[in-house]
Amino acid sequence: MRFLHRPLVTLAVLLGFSVHGWSQDGAYDCLIEPSVTVEIGSSIRGVAESVLVSRGDEVEQGQILVQLESGVQAASVALAEARSKSTAEVEARRESLALARSALKRIEELQRDGNVSRQLFDEARSEAIIAESGLQQAEENRLLAALELQQAREVLALRTIKSSISGIVVDTMISPGELVTEDRPIISLAQIDPLYVEAIIPAPDFGRISAGDRATVFPAGPVGGEYPGTVVIVDQIIDAASSTFGVRVELPNPQGRIPAGLNCDVRFSKADP
């Protein structure tokens, strides 16, 4: 995930920034951009089984974007699940332990009366110890099977690629049947609620604008109108090349009425005390 940030000189050129930075009505020039852009990739190699979104689609955080082929991994999950649910070995070992302890108890009674040899007593005690160890091993095997199931599920989950943000699909770079690799982005997303309004302010105005101040944004046509926003960042470093500093305004856009990429004007006013 990366947050948009343009160098001041580059942004000033895009805005047609003048030496004073003011439009004729006293507002500052600005540019409306997505608050976040994300290039979604995969952490594993695989073949795309299905691509579930297209350019321009709205997506929610956690929504499935791409499904990789996962037949082998699904079978591994089913096998691990069956092993983790099986209680046959544990029950058999528990029954063996109960029999061994019962036999040892009888021989102990006989041994106290002198009716069995010491050797038979030692053998019965050894069998009880072995049976107890076998039960412990069976319980450990079942625990390991549960961990293997968890691991298999995690591996399977990697083959389902989901959105990390709520936004719109800017581009899809993969089609069903294509090989997905770890070093290649496959879906480009942009978050447009909120939007960021980037303004370039002339250095002499440094100190006039503070984080938390109110802003009124006037998008260029064909959108037009005016929209309230809030100053969230005031750069504390002035760019020597352009003698300007940057200001970022957060602009709510819940209905998606304002597209990113528009030029705009912005006016600032102090927040209520």
C-alpha atoms as a PDB file:
ATOM      1  CA  MET A   1       0.000   0.000   0.000  1.00  0.00           C
ATOM      2  CA  ARG A   2       1.309   3.472  -0.775  1.00  0.00           C
ATOM      3  CA  PHE A   3      -0.024   6.929  -0.010  1.00  0.00           C
ATOM      4  CA  LEU A   4       0.051   9.458  -2.807  1.00  0.00           C
ATOM      5  CA  HIS A   5       2.550  12.223  -2.429  1.00  0.00           C
ATOM      6  CA  ARG A   6       3.874  14.304  -5.293  1.00  0.00           C
ATOM      7  CA  PRO A   7       6.988  16.514  -5.104  1.00  0.00           C
ATOM      8  CA  LEU A   8       5.986  20.152  -4.747  1.00  0.00           C
ATOM      9  CA  VAL A   9       7.601  21.227  -8.012  1.00  0.00           C
ATOM     10  CA  THR A  10       5.849  18.458  -9.962  1.00  0.00           C
ATOM     11  CA  LEU A  11       2.495  19.238  -8.381  1.00  0.00           C
ATOM     12  CA  ALA A  12       2.975  22.952  -8.996  1.00  0.00           C
ATOM     13  CA  VAL A  13       3.533  22.269 -12.696  1.00  0.00           C
ATOM     14  CA  LEU A  14       0.397  20.100 -12.857  1.00  0.00           C
ATOM     15  CA  LEU A  15      -1.625  22.876 -11.278  1.00  0.00           C
ATOM     16  CA  GLY A  16      -0.155  25.623 -13.433  1.00  0.00           C
ATOM     17  CA  PHE A  17       1.048  27.252 -10.224  1.00  0.00           C
ATOM     18  CA  SER A  18       1.934  30.927 -10.457  1.00  0.00           C
ATOM     19  CA  VAL A  19       4.525  32.793  -8.455  1.00  0.00           C
ATOM     20  CA  HIS A  20       1.818  33.993  -6.051  1.00  0.00           C
ATOM     21  CA  GLY A  21      -0.215  30.749  -5.844  1.00  0.00           C
ATOM     22  CA  TRP A  22      -3.566  32.536  -5.720  1.00  0.00           C
ATOM     23  CA  SER A  23      -6.493  32.302  -8.128  1.00  0.00           C
ATOM     24  CA  GLN A  24      -8.259  35.536  -8.956  1.00  0.00           C
ATOM     25  CA  ASP A  25     -10.894  35.065  -6.223  1.00  0.00           C
ATOM     26  CA  GLY A  26      -8.311  34.571  -3.481  1.00  0.00           C
ATOM     27  CA  ALA A  27      -8.395  30.770  -3.315  1.00  0.00           C
ATOM     28  CA  TYR A  28      -5.342  28.562  -3.597  1.00  0.00           C
ATOM     29  CA  ASP A  29      -4.868  26.196  -6.528  1.00  0.00           C
ATOM     30  CA  CYS A  30      -5.166  22.515  -5.672  1.00  0.00           C
ATOM     31  CA  LEU A  31      -5.468  18.996  -7.061  1.00  0.00           C
ATOM     32  CA  ILE A  32      -7.900  16.266  -5.946  1.00  0.00           C
ATOM     33  CA  GLU A  33      -6.363  12.816  -5.565  1.00  0.00           C
ATOM     34  CA  PRO A  34      -7.262   9.405  -4.103  1.00  0.00           C
ATOM     35  CA  SER A  35      -6.369   9.118  -0.434  1.00  0.00           C
ATOM     36  CA  VAL A  36      -4.814   5.694  -0.984  1.00  0.00           C
ATOM     37  CA  THR A  37      -3.720   3.698  -4.012  1.00  0.00           C
ATOM     38  CA  VAL A  38      -2.917   0.011  -3.704  1.00  0.00           C
ATOM     39  CA  GLU A  39      -1.388  -2.483  -6.100  1.00  0.00           C
ATOM     40  CA  ILE A  40      -2.618  -5.886  -4.964  1.00  0.00           C
ATOM     41  CA  GLY A  41      -0.312  -8.836  -5.528  1.00  0.00           C
ATOM     42  CA  SER A  42       0.059 -12.435  -4.442  1.00  0.00           C
ATOM     43  CA  SER A  43       2.531 -13.859  -1.928  1.00  0.00           C
ATOM     44  CA  ILE A  44       2.593 -17.193  -3.811  1.00  0.00           C
ATOM     45  CA  ARG A  45       2.749 -18.429  -7.385  1.00  0.00           C
ATOM     46  CA  GLY A  46      -0.342 -19.924  -8.929  1.00  0.00           C
ATOM     47  CA  VAL A  47      -2.726 -19.948 -11.860  1.00  0.00           C
ATOM     48  CA  ALA A  48      -5.696 -17.549 -11.749  1.00  0.00           C
ATOM     49  CA  GLU A  49      -8.877 -19.602 -11.703  1.00  0.00           C
ATOM     50  CA  SER A  50     -11.204 -16.595 -11.686  1.00  0.00           C
ATOM     51  CA  VAL A  51     -10.963 -12.788 -11.621  1.00  0.00           C
ATOM     52  CA  LEU A  52     -14.042 -11.508  -9.834  1.00  0.00           C
ATOM     53  CA  VAL A  53     -13.777  -7.760 -10.459  1.00  0.00           C
ATOM     54  CA  SER A  54     -13.405  -5.455 -13.444  1.00  0.00           C
ATOM     55  CA  ARG A  55     -12.160  -1.932 -14.004  1.00  0.00           C
ATOM     56  CA  GLY A  56     -14.481   0.618 -12.387  1.00  0.00           C
ATOM     57  CA  ASP A  57     -16.048  -1.818  -9.900  1.00  0.00           C
ATOM     58  CA  GLU A  58     -16.561  -0.707  -6.319  1.00  0.00           C
ATOM     59  CA  VAL A  59     -15.050  -3.093  -3.774  1.00  0.00           C
ATOM     60  CA  GLU A  60     -15.202  -3.450  -0.005  1.00  0.00           C
ATOM     61  CA  GLN A  61     -12.323  -4.241   2.285  1.00  0.00           C
ATOM     62  CA  GLY A  62     -11.971  -8.026   2.511  1.00  0.00           C
ATOM     63  CA  GLN A  63     -13.836  -8.686  -0.749  1.00  0.00           C
ATOM     64  CA  ILE A  64     -12.441 -11.504  -2.901  1.00  0.00           C
ATOM     65  CA  LEU A  65     -10.738 -10.163  -6.033  1.00  0.00           C
ATOM     66  CA  VAL A  66      -8.947 -13.174  -7.513  1.00  0.00           C
ATOM     67  CA  GLN A  67      -9.168 -16.897  -6.826  1.00  0.00           C
ATOM     68  CA  LEU A  68      -6.154 -19.044  -7.650  1.00  0.00           C
ATOM     69  CA  GLU A  69      -6.478 -22.725  -8.525  1.00  0.00           C
ATOM     70  CA  SER A  70      -6.554 -24.547  -5.192  1.00  0.00           C
ATOM     71  CA  GLY A  71      -7.668 -28.152  -5.728  1.00  0.00           C
ATOM     72  CA  VAL A  72      -4.529 -29.684  -4.201  1.00  0.00           C
ATOM     73  CA  GLN A  73      -4.598 -27.347  -1.196  1.00  0.00           C
ATOM     74  CA  ALA A  74      -8.325 -27.989  -0.603  1.00  0.00           C
ATOM     75  CA  ALA A  75      -7.648 -31.749  -0.610  1.00  0.00           C
ATOM     76  CA  SER A  76      -4.852 -31.224   1.930  1.00  0.00           C
ATOM     77  CA  VAL A  77      -7.281 -29.369   4.183  1.00  0.00           C
ATOM     78  CA  ALA A  78      -9.843 -32.177   3.914  1.00  0.00           C
ATOM     79  CA  LEU A  79      -7.209 -34.798   4.768  1.00  0.00           C
ATOM     80  CA  ALA A  80      -5.856 -32.802   7.726  1.00  0.00           C
ATOM     81  CA  GLU A  81      -9.392 -32.209   8.970  1.00  0.00           C
ATOM     82  CA  ALA A  82     -10.176 -35.920   8.910  1.00  0.00           C
ATOM     83  CA  ARG A  83      -6.993 -36.698  10.837  1.00  0.00           C
ATOM     84  CA  SER A  84      -7.677 -34.032  13.434  1.00  0.00           C
ATOM     85  CA  LYS A  85     -11.212 -35.313  14.059  1.00  0.00           C
ATOM     86  CA  SER A  86     -10.224 -38.981  14.343  1.00  0.00           C
ATOM     87  CA  THR A  87     -10.288 -40.288  17.915  1.00  0.00           C
ATOM     88  CA  ALA A  88      -9.691 -43.971  17.124  1.00  0.00           C
ATOM     89  CA  GLU A  89      -6.008 -44.033  18.136  1.00  0.00           C
ATOM     90  CA  VAL A  90      -6.596 -42.115  21.366  1.00  0.00           C
ATOM     91  CA  GLU A  91      -9.526 -44.344  22.370  1.00  0.00           C
ATOM     92  CA  ALA A  92      -7.571 -47.514  21.604  1.00  0.00           C
ATOM     93  CA  ARG A  93      -4.570 -46.331  23.624  1.00  0.00           C
ATOM     94  CA  ARG A  94      -6.835 -45.299  26.495  1.00  0.00           C
ATOM     95  CA  GLU A  95      -8.433 -48.754  26.529  1.00  0.00           C
ATOM     96  CA  SER A  96      -5.026 -50.436  26.486  1.00  0.00           C
ATOM     97  CA  LEU A  97      -3.930 -48.322  29.438  1.00  0.00           C
ATOM     98  CA  ALA A  98      -7.045 -49.226  31.411  1.00  0.00           C
ATOM     99  CA  LEU A  99      -6.436 -52.950  30.806  1.00  0.00           C
ATOM    100  CA  ALA A 100      -2.752 -52.680  31.713  1.00  0.00           C
ATOM    101  CA  ARG A 101      -3.521 -50.857  34.962  1.00  0.00           C
ATOM    102  CA  SER A 102      -6.214 -53.391  35.855  1.00  0.00           C
ATOM    103  CA  ALA A 103      -3.794 -56.277  35.237  1.00  0.00           C
ATOM    104  CA  LEU A 104      -1.102 -54.552  37.300  1.00  0.00           C
ATOM    105  CA  LYS A 105      -3.513 -54.067  40.195  1.00  0.00           C
ATOM    106  CA  ARG A 106      -4.412 -57.785  40.257  1.00  0.00           C
ATOM    107  CA  ILE A 107      -0.777 -58.840  40.103  1.00  0.00           C
ATOM    108  CA  GLU A 108       0.107 -56.407  42.897  1.00  0.00           C
ATOM    109  CA  GLU A 109      -2.501 -58.108  45.125  1.00  0.00           C
ATOM    110  CA  LEU A 110      -1.186 -61.543  44.232  1.00  0.00           C
ATOM    111  CA  GLN A 111       2.417 -60.443  44.691  1.00  0.00           C
ATOM    112  CA  ARG A 112       1.672 -59.213  48.217  1.00  0.00           C
ATOM    113  CA  ASP A 113       0.350 -62.698  49.033  1.00  0.00           C
ATOM    114  CA  GLY A 114       3.412 -64.255  47.441  1.00  0.00           C
ATOM    115  CA  ASN A 115       1.435 -65.974  44.699  1.00  0.00           C
ATOM    116  CA  VAL A 116       3.345 -64.445  41.717  1.00  0.00           C
ATOM    117  CA  SER A 117       6.999 -63.885  41.054  1.00  0.00           C
ATOM    118  CA  ARG A 118       8.743 -60.529  41.110  1.00  0.00           C
ATOM    119  CA  GLN A 119       9.423 -60.918  37.401  1.00  0.00           C
ATOM    120  CA  LEU A 120       5.708 -61.076  36.525  1.00  0.00           C
ATOM    121  CA  PHE A 121       5.064 -58.025  38.658  1.00  0.00           C
ATOM    122  CA  ASP A 122       7.839 -56.054  36.906  1.00  0.00           C
ATOM    123  CA  GLU A 123       6.511 -57.081  33.484  1.00  0.00           C
ATOM    124  CA  ALA A 124       2.982 -55.941  34.354  1.00  0.00           C
ATOM    125  CA  ARG A 125       4.271 -52.612  35.639  1.00  0.00           C
ATOM    126  CA  SER A 126       6.330 -52.113  32.458  1.00  0.00           C
ATOM    127  CA  GLU A 127       3.278 -52.825  30.302  1.00  0.00           C
ATOM    128  CA  ALA A 128       1.283 -50.206  32.225  1.00  0.00           C
ATOM    129  CA  ILE A 129       4.063 -47.647  31.754  1.00  0.00           C
ATOM    130  CA  ILE A 130       4.273 -48.425  28.010  1.00  0.00           C
ATOM    131  CA  ALA A 131       0.491 -48.165  27.677  1.00  0.00           C
ATOM    132  CA  GLU A 132       0.516 -44.770  29.435  1.00  0.00           C
ATOM    133  CA  SER A 133       3.284 -43.551  27.135  1.00  0.00           C
ATOM    134  CA  GLY A 134       1.309 -44.772  24.110  1.00  0.00           C
ATOM    135  CA  LEU A 135      -1.749 -42.781  25.204  1.00  0.00           C
ATOM    136  CA  GLN A 136       0.368 -39.665  25.656  1.00  0.00           C
ATOM    137  CA  GLN A 137       1.845 -40.144  22.172  1.00  0.00           C
ATOM    138  CA  ALA A 138      -1.632 -40.571  20.646  1.00  0.00           C
ATOM    139  CA  GLU A 139      -2.829 -37.349  22.290  1.00  0.00           C
ATOM    140  CA  GLU A 140       0.248 -35.516  20.995  1.00  0.00           C
ATOM    141  CA  ASN A 141      -0.409 -36.886  17.493  1.00  0.00           C
ATOM    142  CA  ARG A 142      -3.946 -35.538  17.612  1.00  0.00           C
ATOM    143  CA  LEU A 143      -2.636 -32.118  18.680  1.00  0.00           C
ATOM    144  CA  LEU A 144      -0.155 -32.170  15.800  1.00  0.00           C
ATOM    145  CA  ALA A 145      -2.994 -33.093  13.433  1.00  0.00           C
ATOM    146  CA  ALA A 146      -4.916 -30.011  14.611  1.00  0.00           C
ATOM    147  CA  LEU A 147      -1.859 -27.830  13.957  1.00  0.00           C
ATOM    148  CA  GLU A 148      -1.411 -29.395  10.513  1.00  0.00           C
ATOM    149  CA  LEU A 149      -5.066 -28.571   9.775  1.00  0.00           C
ATOM    150  CA  GLN A 150      -4.476 -24.952  10.753  1.00  0.00           C
ATOM    151  CA  GLN A 151      -1.396 -24.809   8.532  1.00  0.00           C
ATOM    152  CA  ALA A 152      -3.269 -26.359   5.605  1.00  0.00           C
ATOM    153  CA  ARG A 153      -6.063 -23.828   5.982  1.00  0.00           C
ATOM    154  CA  GLU A 154      -3.546 -20.950   5.996  1.00  0.00           C
ATOM    155  CA  VAL A 155      -1.945 -22.264   2.801  1.00  0.00           C
ATOM    156  CA  LEU A 156      -5.368 -22.572   1.177  1.00  0.00           C
ATOM    157  CA  ALA A 157      -6.302 -19.032   2.266  1.00  0.00           C
ATOM    158  CA  LEU A 158      -3.267 -17.632   0.437  1.00  0.00           C
ATOM    159  CA  ARG A 159      -4.888 -18.696  -2.822  1.00  0.00           C
ATOM    160  CA  THR A 160      -7.812 -16.335  -2.236  1.00  0.00           C
ATOM    161  CA  ILE A 161      -6.692 -12.748  -2.902  1.00  0.00           C
ATOM    162  CA  LYS A 162      -8.785 -10.107  -1.139  1.00  0.00           C
ATOM    163  CA  SER A 163      -9.003  -6.323  -1.161  1.00  0.00           C
ATOM    164  CA  SER A 164      -7.117  -4.500   1.580  1.00  0.00           C
ATOM    165  CA  ILE A 165      -9.234  -1.325   1.222  1.00  0.00           C
ATOM    166  CA  SER A 166     -12.687  -0.145   0.256  1.00  0.00           C
ATOM    167  CA  GLY A 167     -12.485   1.717  -3.045  1.00  0.00           C
ATOM    168  CA  ILE A 168     -12.692   1.289  -6.801  1.00  0.00           C
ATOM    169  CA  VAL A 169     -10.821  -0.938  -9.236  1.00  0.00           C
ATOM    170  CA  VAL A 170      -8.476   1.199 -11.323  1.00  0.00           C
ATOM    171  CA  ASP A 171      -7.095  -1.656 -13.418  1.00  0.00           C
ATOM    172  CA  THR A 172      -6.848  -5.436 -13.606  1.00  0.00           C
ATOM    173  CA  MET A 173      -3.580  -6.893 -14.878  1.00  0.00           C
ATOM    174  CA  ILE A 174      -4.514 -10.578 -14.886  1.00  0.00           C
ATOM    175  CA  SER A 175      -6.996 -12.853 -16.677  1.00  0.00           C
ATOM    176  CA  PRO A 176      -8.248 -16.351 -15.816  1.00  0.00           C
ATOM    177  CA  GLY A 177      -5.693 -18.988 -16.743  1.00  0.00           C
ATOM    178  CA  GLU A 178      -2.676 -16.691 -16.424  1.00  0.00           C
ATOM    179  CA  LEU A 179       0.220 -17.417 -14.093  1.00  0.00           C
ATOM    180  CA  VAL A 180       0.364 -15.192 -11.020  1.00  0.00           C
ATOM    181  CA  THR A 181       3.820 -14.535  -9.557  1.00  0.00           C
ATOM    182  CA  GLU A 182       4.979 -12.897  -6.368  1.00  0.00           C
ATOM    183  CA  ASP A 183       6.682  -9.971  -8.111  1.00  0.00           C
ATOM    184  CA  ARG A 184       3.790  -8.891 -10.343  1.00  0.00           C
ATOM    185  CA  PRO A 185       0.834  -6.705  -9.266  1.00  0.00           C
ATOM    186  CA  ILE A 186      -2.500  -8.026 -10.450  1.00  0.00           C
ATOM    187  CA  ILE A 187      -5.138  -5.492  -9.324  1.00  0.00           C
ATOM    188  CA  SER A 188      -4.829  -1.734  -8.862  1.00  0.00           C
ATOM    189  CA  LEU A 189      -7.231  -0.081  -6.396  1.00  0.00           C
ATOM    190  CA  ALA A 190      -7.895   3.490  -5.285  1.00  0.00           C
ATOM    191  CA  GLN A 191      -9.713   4.750  -2.220  1.00  0.00           C
ATOM    192  CA  ILE A 192     -11.838   7.798  -3.077  1.00  0.00           C
ATOM    193  CA  ASP A 193     -13.605   8.244   0.249  1.00  0.00           C
ATOM    194  CA  PRO A 194     -12.078  10.292   1.630  1.00  0.00           C
ATOM    195  CA  LEU A 195     -10.199  12.137  -1.095  1.00  0.00           C
ATOM    196  CA  TYR A 196      -7.035  14.132  -0.515  1.00  0.00           C
ATOM    197  CA  VAL A 197      -6.790  17.675  -1.793  1.00  0.00           C
ATOM    198  CA  GLU A 198      -3.183  18.725  -2.310  1.00  0.00           C
ATOM    199  CA  ALA A 199      -2.593  22.476  -2.300  1.00  0.00           C
ATOM    200  CA  ILE A 200       0.635  24.337  -3.051  1.00  0.00           C
ATOM    201  CA  ILE A 201       1.008  27.406  -0.834  1.00  0.00           C
ATOM    202  CA  PRO A 202       3.556  30.224  -1.381  1.00  0.00           C
ATOM    203  CA  ALA A 203       6.220  30.468   1.314  1.00  0.00           C
ATOM    204  CA  PRO A 204       5.153  33.950   2.558  1.00  0.00           C
ATOM    205  CA  ASP A 205       1.856  32.377   3.718  1.00  0.00           C
ATOM    206  CA  PHE A 206       3.588  29.864   5.985  1.00  0.00           C
ATOM    207  CA  GLY A 207       1.980  29.977   9.427  1.00  0.00           C
ATOM    208  CA  ARG A 208      -1.426  31.109   8.182  1.00  0.00           C
ATOM    209  CA  ILE A 209      -2.771  27.564   7.840  1.00  0.00           C
ATOM    210  CA  SER A 210      -2.765  24.903  10.554  1.00  0.00           C
ATOM    211  CA  ALA A 211      -3.838  21.284  10.820  1.00  0.00           C
ATOM    212  CA  GLY A 212      -7.472  21.171  11.888  1.00  0.00           C
ATOM    213  CA  ASP A 213      -8.448  24.328   9.977  1.00  0.00           C
ATOM    214  CA  ARG A 214     -11.562  24.199   7.848  1.00  0.00           C
ATOM    215  CA  ALA A 215     -11.325  24.162   4.072  1.00  0.00           C
ATOM    216  CA  THR A 216     -13.813  24.775   1.291  1.00  0.00           C
ATOM    217  CA  VAL A 217     -12.945  22.960  -1.935  1.00  0.00           C
ATOM    218  CA  PHE A 218     -14.220  24.101  -5.352  1.00  0.00           C
ATOM    219  CA  PRO A 219     -13.689  21.319  -7.933  1.00  0.00           C
ATOM    220  CA  ALA A 220     -13.272  22.306 -11.564  1.00  0.00           C
ATOM    221  CA  GLY A 221     -15.940  21.480 -14.124  1.00  0.00           C
ATOM    222  CA  PRO A 222     -17.849  19.462 -14.887  1.00  0.00           C
ATOM    223  CA  VAL A 223     -18.335  18.742 -11.163  1.00  0.00           C
ATOM    224  CA  GLY A 224     -18.319  22.274  -9.784  1.00  0.00           C
ATOM    225  CA  GLY A 225     -19.947  23.191  -6.484  1.00  0.00           C
ATOM    226  CA  GLU A 226     -18.259  23.567  -3.128  1.00  0.00           C
ATOM    227  CA  TYR A 227     -17.429  20.932  -0.534  1.00  0.00           C
ATOM    228  CA  PRO A 228     -16.207  21.154   3.071  1.00  0.00           C
ATOM    229  CA  GLY A 229     -12.967  19.534   4.142  1.00  0.00           C
ATOM    230  CA  THR A 230     -10.409  19.618   6.940  1.00  0.00           C
ATOM    231  CA  VAL A 231      -6.698  20.405   6.875  1.00  0.00           C
ATOM    232  CA  VAL A 232      -4.816  17.266   7.987  1.00  0.00           C
ATOM    233  CA  ILE A 233      -1.212  18.050   7.026  1.00  0.00           C
ATOM    234  CA  VAL A 234       0.807  21.257   6.754  1.00  0.00           C
ATOM    235  CA  ASP A 235       4.338  20.597   5.544  1.00  0.00           C
ATOM    236  CA  GLN A 236       6.978  21.946   7.875  1.00  0.00           C
ATOM    237  CA  ILE A 237       9.628  22.136   5.141  1.00  0.00           C
ATOM    238  CA  ILE A 238       9.527  24.789   2.425  1.00  0.00           C
ATOM    239  CA  ASP A 239      10.642  23.676  -1.028  1.00  0.00           C
ATOM    240  CA  ALA A 240      13.567  25.899  -2.008  1.00  0.00           C
ATOM    241  CA  ALA A 241      13.159  25.399  -5.765  1.00  0.00           C
ATOM    242  CA  SER A 242       9.568  26.683  -5.881  1.00  0.00           C
ATOM    243  CA  SER A 243       9.465  28.661  -2.610  1.00  0.00           C
ATOM    244  CA  THR A 244       6.311  26.804  -1.627  1.00  0.00           C
ATOM    245  CA  PHE A 245       5.036  24.329   0.926  1.00  0.00           C
ATOM    246  CA  GLY A 246       2.305  21.731   0.729  1.00  0.00           C
ATOM    247  CA  VAL A 247      -1.027  21.454   2.519  1.00  0.00           C
ATOM    248  CA  ARG A 248      -3.268  18.389   2.487  1.00  0.00           C
ATOM    249  CA  VAL A 249      -7.027  18.588   2.985  1.00  0.00           C
ATOM    250  CA  GLU A 250      -9.149  15.540   3.726  1.00  0.00           C
ATOM    251  CA  LEU A 251     -12.335  15.727   1.689  1.00  0.00           C
ATOM    252  CA  PRO A 252     -15.223  13.358   2.520  1.00  0.00           C
ATOM    253  CA  ASN A 253     -16.717  11.739  -0.575  1.00  0.00           C
ATOM    254  CA  PRO A 254     -19.257   9.169   0.701  1.00  0.00           C
ATOM    255  CA  GLN A 255     -21.390   9.172  -2.450  1.00  0.00           C
ATOM    256  CA  GLY A 256     -18.414   9.130  -4.814  1.00  0.00           C
ATOM    257  CA  ARG A 257     -19.667  12.269  -6.546  1.00  0.00           C
ATOM    258  CA  ILE A 258     -16.221  13.838  -6.820  1.00  0.00           C
ATOM    259  CA  PRO A 259     -13.760  12.023  -9.100  1.00  0.00           C
ATOM    260  CA  ALA A 260     -10.055  12.063  -8.359  1.00  0.00           C
ATOM    261  CA  GLY A 261      -7.741  13.858 -10.751  1.00  0.00           C
ATOM    262  CA  LEU A 262      -9.618  17.154 -10.924  1.00  0.00           C
ATOM    263  CA  ASN A 263      -7.991  20.558 -10.488  1.00  0.00           C
ATOM    264  CA  CYS A 264      -9.648  22.718  -7.878  1.00  0.00           C
ATOM    265  CA  ASP A 265      -9.485  25.850  -5.764  1.00  0.00           C
ATOM    266  CA  VAL A 266      -9.480  25.797  -1.981  1.00  0.00           C
ATOM    267  CA  ARG A 267     -10.097  28.429   0.675  1.00  0.00           C
ATOM    268  CA  PHE A 268      -9.119  28.067   4.321  1.00  0.00           C
ATOM    269  CA  SER A 269     -10.676  29.333   7.530  1.00  0.00           C
ATOM    270  CA  LYS A 270      -9.822  28.798  11.163  1.00  0.00           C
ATOM    271  CA  ALA A 271     -11.573  26.031  13.052  1.00  0.00           C
ATOM    272  CA  ASP A 272     -14.067  27.005  15.737  1.00  0.00           C
ATOM    273  CA  PRO A 273     -12.344  27.411  19.122  1.00  0.00           C
END
